[in-house]
Amino acid sequence: MIKPEITVATVIEKDNRFLLVEEETEYGILLNQPAGHLEADESLAEAAVRETLEETACELIPEALVGVYLLQYNLKNNEKVSFLRFTFTGDIGLKQDRPLDPDILRTVWMTYEEIVACPERHRSALVLKSIDDYRKGQRMPLSVLSTFFVERK
């Protein structure tokens, strides 16, 4: 049985450029969308807003869900890791004066052509897949997502 980690990401486009982050990983410096893990007591959209703020210092106004992706890795030690990633899109507000997450080296705005030209720098295949789906106009309303917080005694 797999137990995927739940993650969120955002595809942000402005002036024909996409907002990415350069992050320090165990595999070197890689490019990714602003992304991270769902935390307790937050909805998926709230997680996307928080992660975008933490990694870019920009406030996200979520508008739509671009896609849901299952990514499965077979690691060197034969361990299997799975991620269920919910990718959002929206507008960003003003950049805030705040530090970025420690693993984030900087934010970058790149054209589609620049992103396609460096697949070896992508954190995963989901970087380009999410952008391709966004460019195709793939959007689902945020209303397809429901969050329930239940306290059982």
Protein backbone atom coordinates (compact mmCIF):
# COMPACT_ATOMS: atom_id res chain seq x y z
CA MET A 1 0.00 0.00 0.00
CA ILE A 2 1.28 3.46 -0.81
CA LYS A 3 0.76 6.41 1.48
CA PRO A 4 1.47 9.46 -0.65
CA GLU A 5 2.65 12.70 0.84
CA ILE A 6 0.20 15.47 -0.02
CA THR A 7 1.78 18.53 -1.59
CA VAL A 8 0.63 21.74 -3.26
CA ALA A 9 2.23 23.94 -5.89
CA THR A 10 1.38 27.09 -7.82
CA VAL A 11 1.79 28.05 -11.45
CA ILE A 12 2.03 31.84 -11.67
CA GLU A 13 2.37 33.59 -15.04
CA LYS A 14 3.02 37.28 -15.53
CA ASP A 15 4.12 38.98 -18.76
CA ASN A 16 4.71 35.59 -20.44
CA ARG A 17 7.06 34.48 -17.65
CA PHE A 18 6.55 31.89 -14.96
CA LEU A 19 7.50 32.29 -11.31
CA LEU A 20 9.86 29.55 -10.16
CA VAL A 21 12.15 29.06 -7.20
CA GLU A 22 15.72 27.85 -7.13
CA GLU A 23 16.06 25.50 -4.20
CA GLU A 24 18.89 23.63 -2.57
CA THR A 25 18.22 19.88 -2.65
CA GLU A 26 20.23 16.72 -2.03
CA TYR A 27 20.58 16.57 -5.83
CA GLY A 28 21.90 20.11 -6.20
CA ILE A 29 20.24 23.41 -7.03
CA LEU A 30 16.98 22.73 -8.86
CA LEU A 31 14.01 24.67 -10.21
CA ASN A 32 10.49 24.17 -8.94
CA GLN A 33 7.20 25.95 -8.66
CA PRO A 34 6.50 27.38 -5.22
CA ALA A 35 5.47 24.15 -3.51
CA GLY A 36 5.35 22.26 -0.26
CA HIS A 37 3.45 19.95 2.04
CA LEU A 38 -0.08 20.25 3.34
CA GLU A 39 -0.06 20.97 7.07
CA ALA A 40 -2.60 20.11 9.75
CA ASP A 41 -5.72 22.27 9.96
CA GLU A 42 -5.43 23.90 6.54
CA SER A 43 -7.23 23.41 3.26
CA LEU A 44 -5.35 22.65 0.06
CA ALA A 45 -5.86 26.22 -1.19
CA GLU A 46 -4.65 27.62 2.15
CA ALA A 47 -1.55 25.44 1.87
CA ALA A 48 -0.87 26.85 -1.61
CA VAL A 49 -1.22 30.41 -0.31
CA ARG A 50 1.12 29.69 2.63
CA GLU A 51 3.76 27.90 0.55
CA THR A 52 3.76 30.62 -2.11
CA LEU A 53 4.26 33.26 0.58
CA GLU A 54 7.00 31.30 2.36
CA GLU A 55 8.95 30.53 -0.81
CA THR A 56 8.46 33.74 -2.82
CA ALA A 57 7.36 36.40 -0.29
CA CYS A 58 4.34 36.99 -2.58
CA GLU A 59 0.71 36.67 -1.56
CA LEU A 60 -1.26 34.26 -3.75
CA ILE A 61 -4.89 34.85 -4.65
CA PRO A 62 -5.91 31.34 -5.79
CA GLU A 63 -8.22 31.23 -8.80
CA ALA A 64 -8.28 27.63 -10.02
CA LEU A 65 -6.88 24.15 -9.69
CA VAL A 66 -4.67 23.27 -12.68
CA GLY A 67 -4.30 19.57 -11.95
CA VAL A 68 -3.78 16.73 -9.53
CA TYR A 69 -0.68 14.61 -10.10
CA LEU A 70 0.67 11.40 -8.61
CA LEU A 71 4.46 11.25 -8.64
CA GLN A 72 6.19 8.04 -7.57
CA TYR A 73 9.93 7.69 -7.00
CA ASN A 74 12.01 4.55 -6.66
CA LEU A 75 14.95 5.68 -4.54
CA LYS A 76 18.48 4.26 -4.60
CA ASN A 77 17.81 2.06 -1.56
CA ASN A 78 14.72 0.52 -3.27
CA GLU A 79 12.48 2.66 -1.08
CA LYS A 80 9.38 3.97 -2.83
CA VAL A 81 8.06 7.47 -2.16
CA SER A 82 4.84 8.90 -3.55
CA PHE A 83 3.55 12.46 -3.75
CA LEU A 84 -0.01 13.52 -4.53
CA ARG A 85 0.38 17.08 -5.79
CA PHE A 86 -2.41 19.63 -6.18
CA THR A 87 -1.30 22.44 -8.48
CA PHE A 88 -3.08 25.80 -8.32
CA THR A 89 -2.94 29.00 -10.30
CA GLY A 90 -3.94 32.55 -9.47
CA ASP A 91 -2.72 36.10 -9.16
CA ILE A 92 -0.08 37.36 -6.81
CA GLY A 93 -0.22 40.48 -4.74
CA LEU A 94 2.61 42.71 -3.69
CA LYS A 95 5.89 41.18 -2.65
CA GLN A 96 6.37 41.34 1.10
CA ASP A 97 9.56 42.23 2.91
CA ARG A 98 10.24 38.86 4.51
CA PRO A 99 12.90 36.17 4.28
CA LEU A 100 12.35 33.16 2.02
CA ASP A 101 12.32 29.59 3.31
CA PRO A 102 15.88 28.46 4.16
CA ASP A 103 16.08 25.98 1.24
CA ILE A 104 15.02 28.63 -1.30
CA LEU A 105 17.98 30.44 -2.82
CA ARG A 106 15.97 32.89 -4.92
CA THR A 107 12.90 33.39 -7.06
CA VAL A 108 13.20 33.59 -10.84
CA TRP A 109 10.85 34.57 -13.66
CA MET A 110 11.45 32.40 -16.73
CA THR A 111 9.88 32.15 -20.15
CA TYR A 112 8.39 28.86 -21.27
CA GLU A 113 11.26 28.41 -23.72
CA GLU A 114 13.84 28.92 -20.95
CA ILE A 115 12.09 26.33 -18.78
CA VAL A 116 11.86 23.78 -21.61
CA ALA A 117 15.56 24.29 -22.38
CA CYS A 118 16.76 23.05 -18.96
CA PRO A 119 14.87 19.87 -17.95
CA GLU A 120 17.90 18.62 -16.02
CA ARG A 121 17.37 21.52 -13.59
CA HIS A 122 13.71 20.66 -12.87
CA ARG A 123 12.91 19.28 -9.41
CA SER A 124 10.62 16.74 -11.09
CA ALA A 125 8.68 16.12 -14.28
CA LEU A 126 5.78 17.95 -12.65
CA VAL A 127 7.45 21.32 -13.17
CA LEU A 128 6.94 21.21 -16.94
CA LYS A 129 3.77 19.08 -16.85
CA SER A 130 2.01 21.63 -14.62
CA ILE A 131 3.04 24.50 -16.88
CA ASP A 132 1.99 22.59 -20.00
CA ASP A 133 -1.43 21.87 -18.49
CA TYR A 134 -1.75 25.53 -17.48
CA ARG A 135 -0.82 26.68 -21.00
CA LYS A 136 -3.44 24.31 -22.48
CA GLY A 137 -6.04 26.13 -20.38
CA GLN A 138 -6.67 23.27 -17.99
CA ARG A 139 -8.54 24.74 -15.03
CA MET A 140 -10.93 23.36 -12.46
CA PRO A 141 -12.90 25.65 -10.16
CA LEU A 142 -11.79 25.77 -6.55
CA SER A 143 -15.28 24.55 -5.67
CA VAL A 144 -14.22 21.00 -6.70
CA LEU A 145 -12.18 20.92 -3.47
CA SER A 146 -13.87 20.44 -0.11
CA THR A 147 -12.24 20.40 3.30
CA PHE A 148 -13.79 18.94 6.42
CA PHE A 149 -12.33 19.39 9.88
CA VAL A 150 -13.86 16.78 12.16
CA GLU A 151 -13.17 16.33 15.84
CA ARG A 152 -13.97 12.87 17.15
CA LYS A 153 -14.30 12.26 20.83
